[in-house]
């Protein structure tokens, strides 16, 4: 499954970059995130509870940041295991560009799911993924604007 989009974040690019590399900010923005911790310079572990269609599961996983070009782009990759519900793994390429009203954040996601979740059908998974991305970036923009305003 592939998903892409862009958001205008009402904050300077340097601040957006810092926030995208901050485990506390990521934890606040990830829908259903119960716990996130930094396990290395560019590595995080997280516990997330998600409901996709009729399936609700707790995922434990790891996230890694790579291909970092400060403050322009990086790749974020992760894998989560949800027991009987299945697994999800994938990554996103994130690009940041200066914009008149802040920072243009563009992303391209590639992901795979397996187990019970995969049986829900690609349309439901795609619409749920888009909704989760909108929740993440909506919260991220809100936090970035508040931080930029000071």
Protein backbone atom coordinates (compact mmCIF):
# COMPACT_ATOMS: atom_id res chain seq x y z
CA UNK A 1 0.00 0.00 0.00
CA UNK A 2 1.24 3.47 -0.84
CA UNK A 3 0.04 6.77 0.56
CA UNK A 4 1.32 10.30 0.08
CA UNK A 5 0.38 13.82 0.98
CA UNK A 6 1.55 17.20 2.10
CA UNK A 7 0.82 19.61 4.92
CA UNK A 8 1.66 23.25 5.45
CA UNK A 9 3.07 23.40 8.97
CA UNK A 10 2.79 26.93 10.45
CA UNK A 11 6.33 26.96 11.85
CA UNK A 12 9.91 27.52 10.61
CA UNK A 13 11.62 24.54 8.95
CA UNK A 14 14.33 24.22 11.64
CA UNK A 15 11.65 23.93 14.36
CA UNK A 16 9.68 21.38 12.31
CA UNK A 17 12.87 19.34 11.84
CA UNK A 18 13.61 19.38 15.59
CA UNK A 19 10.06 18.31 16.40
CA UNK A 20 10.13 15.44 13.88
CA UNK A 21 13.22 14.11 15.68
CA UNK A 22 11.77 14.46 19.20
CA UNK A 23 10.32 11.27 20.71
CA UNK A 24 8.01 13.21 23.05
CA UNK A 25 6.48 15.15 20.15
CA UNK A 26 6.11 11.98 18.09
CA UNK A 27 4.43 10.25 21.04
CA UNK A 28 1.91 13.07 21.38
CA UNK A 29 1.09 12.94 17.67
CA UNK A 30 0.91 9.19 16.99
CA UNK A 31 -2.75 8.13 17.30
CA UNK A 32 -3.18 5.55 20.09
CA UNK A 33 0.41 5.90 21.32
CA UNK A 34 0.63 4.68 24.91
CA UNK A 35 4.39 4.76 25.28
CA UNK A 36 7.43 5.84 23.27
CA UNK A 37 11.07 5.84 24.24
CA UNK A 38 14.34 6.56 22.54
CA UNK A 39 16.48 3.44 22.32
CA UNK A 40 19.35 4.96 20.31
CA UNK A 41 20.34 8.19 18.54
CA UNK A 42 17.86 7.55 15.69
CA UNK A 43 15.85 4.67 17.14
CA UNK A 44 12.62 4.58 19.10
CA UNK A 45 10.40 1.86 20.52
CA UNK A 46 6.67 2.36 20.96
CA UNK A 47 3.44 0.75 22.12
CA UNK A 48 0.35 1.80 20.17
CA UNK A 49 -3.30 0.74 20.40
CA UNK A 50 -5.15 0.97 17.08
CA UNK A 51 -8.61 0.09 15.85
CA UNK A 52 -8.90 -0.62 12.15
CA UNK A 53 -12.43 -1.58 11.21
CA UNK A 54 -13.57 -4.26 13.68
CA UNK A 55 -10.00 -5.18 14.71
CA UNK A 56 -8.47 -3.52 17.75
CA UNK A 57 -4.94 -4.43 18.70
CA UNK A 58 -1.97 -3.32 20.75
CA UNK A 59 1.19 -3.06 18.67
CA UNK A 60 4.73 -3.07 19.97
CA UNK A 61 7.31 -1.87 17.55
CA UNK A 62 10.49 -0.12 16.64
CA UNK A 63 11.06 2.98 14.55
CA UNK A 64 14.32 4.03 12.90
CA UNK A 65 15.28 7.34 11.29
CA UNK A 66 17.75 7.18 8.40
CA UNK A 67 19.01 9.03 5.32
CA UNK A 68 18.91 12.27 7.33
CA UNK A 69 19.68 15.50 5.49
CA UNK A 70 19.34 18.27 8.11
CA UNK A 71 16.83 20.08 7.92
CA UNK A 72 15.48 18.86 4.56
CA UNK A 73 14.56 15.19 4.62
CA UNK A 74 14.73 11.78 6.23
CA UNK A 75 13.32 8.29 6.04
CA UNK A 76 11.34 6.90 8.94
CA UNK A 77 10.86 3.13 8.97
CA UNK A 78 9.09 0.93 11.45
CA UNK A 79 7.64 -2.43 12.22
CA UNK A 80 4.91 -3.28 14.69
CA UNK A 81 3.61 -6.62 15.91
CA UNK A 82 0.04 -6.91 17.15
CA UNK A 83 -0.12 -10.57 18.16
CA UNK A 84 -3.08 -12.37 16.61
CA UNK A 85 -4.20 -9.16 14.86
CA UNK A 86 -1.10 -9.29 12.70
CA UNK A 87 1.73 -6.97 11.85
CA UNK A 88 2.41 -3.73 10.05
CA UNK A 89 5.71 -2.59 8.61
CA UNK A 90 6.81 0.13 6.30
CA UNK A 91 8.34 3.52 6.05
CA UNK A 92 7.94 7.07 4.88
CA UNK A 93 10.17 9.51 3.07
CA UNK A 94 9.65 12.97 4.56
CA UNK A 95 10.72 16.21 2.85
CA UNK A 96 10.63 19.72 4.30
CA UNK A 97 10.62 22.86 2.14
CA UNK A 98 10.57 26.50 3.15
CA UNK A 99 7.18 28.11 2.46
CA UNK A 100 5.77 31.62 2.85
CA UNK A 101 3.56 30.65 5.79
CA UNK A 102 5.86 28.08 7.40
CA UNK A 103 7.14 24.73 6.17
CA UNK A 104 5.75 22.47 3.47
CA UNK A 105 5.99 18.88 4.72
CA UNK A 106 5.64 16.20 2.04
CA UNK A 107 5.52 12.47 2.71
CA UNK A 108 5.42 9.22 0.75
CA UNK A 109 4.51 6.09 2.71
CA UNK A 110 4.97 2.48 1.72
CA UNK A 111 3.52 -0.14 4.05
CA UNK A 112 2.57 -3.78 4.30
CA UNK A 113 0.19 -5.47 6.71
CA UNK A 114 -0.35 -9.13 7.50
CA UNK A 115 -2.52 -11.34 9.68
CA UNK A 116 -6.11 -10.51 10.64
CA UNK A 117 -5.67 -6.88 9.62
CA UNK A 118 -4.75 -7.85 6.05
CA UNK A 119 -8.06 -9.72 5.75
CA UNK A 120 -10.00 -6.46 6.16
CA UNK A 121 -9.39 -5.47 2.56
CA UNK A 122 -7.16 -2.90 0.95
CA UNK A 123 -9.82 -0.16 0.74
CA UNK A 124 -10.55 -0.18 4.48
CA UNK A 125 -6.83 -0.33 5.30
CA UNK A 126 -6.06 2.56 2.92
CA UNK A 127 -8.85 4.78 4.29
CA UNK A 128 -7.84 3.97 7.89
CA UNK A 129 -4.21 4.75 7.08
CA UNK A 130 -5.16 8.11 5.54
CA UNK A 131 -7.26 8.93 8.60
CA UNK A 132 -4.36 8.06 10.94
CA UNK A 133 -1.96 10.19 8.87
CA UNK A 134 -4.40 13.12 9.03
CA UNK A 135 -4.70 12.72 12.82
CA UNK A 136 -0.91 12.59 13.21
CA UNK A 137 -0.19 15.63 11.04
CA UNK A 138 -3.17 17.58 12.39
CA UNK A 139 -1.82 17.22 15.93
CA UNK A 140 1.75 17.86 14.73
CA UNK A 141 0.71 21.14 13.03
CA UNK A 142 -1.15 22.20 16.17
CA UNK A 143 1.90 21.57 18.38
CA UNK A 144 4.30 23.22 15.91
CA UNK A 145 2.15 26.35 15.68
CA UNK A 146 1.92 26.59 19.48
CA UNK A 147 5.70 26.18 19.82
CA UNK A 148 6.40 28.71 17.03
CA UNK A 149 4.13 31.29 18.69
CA UNK A 150 6.01 30.69 21.85
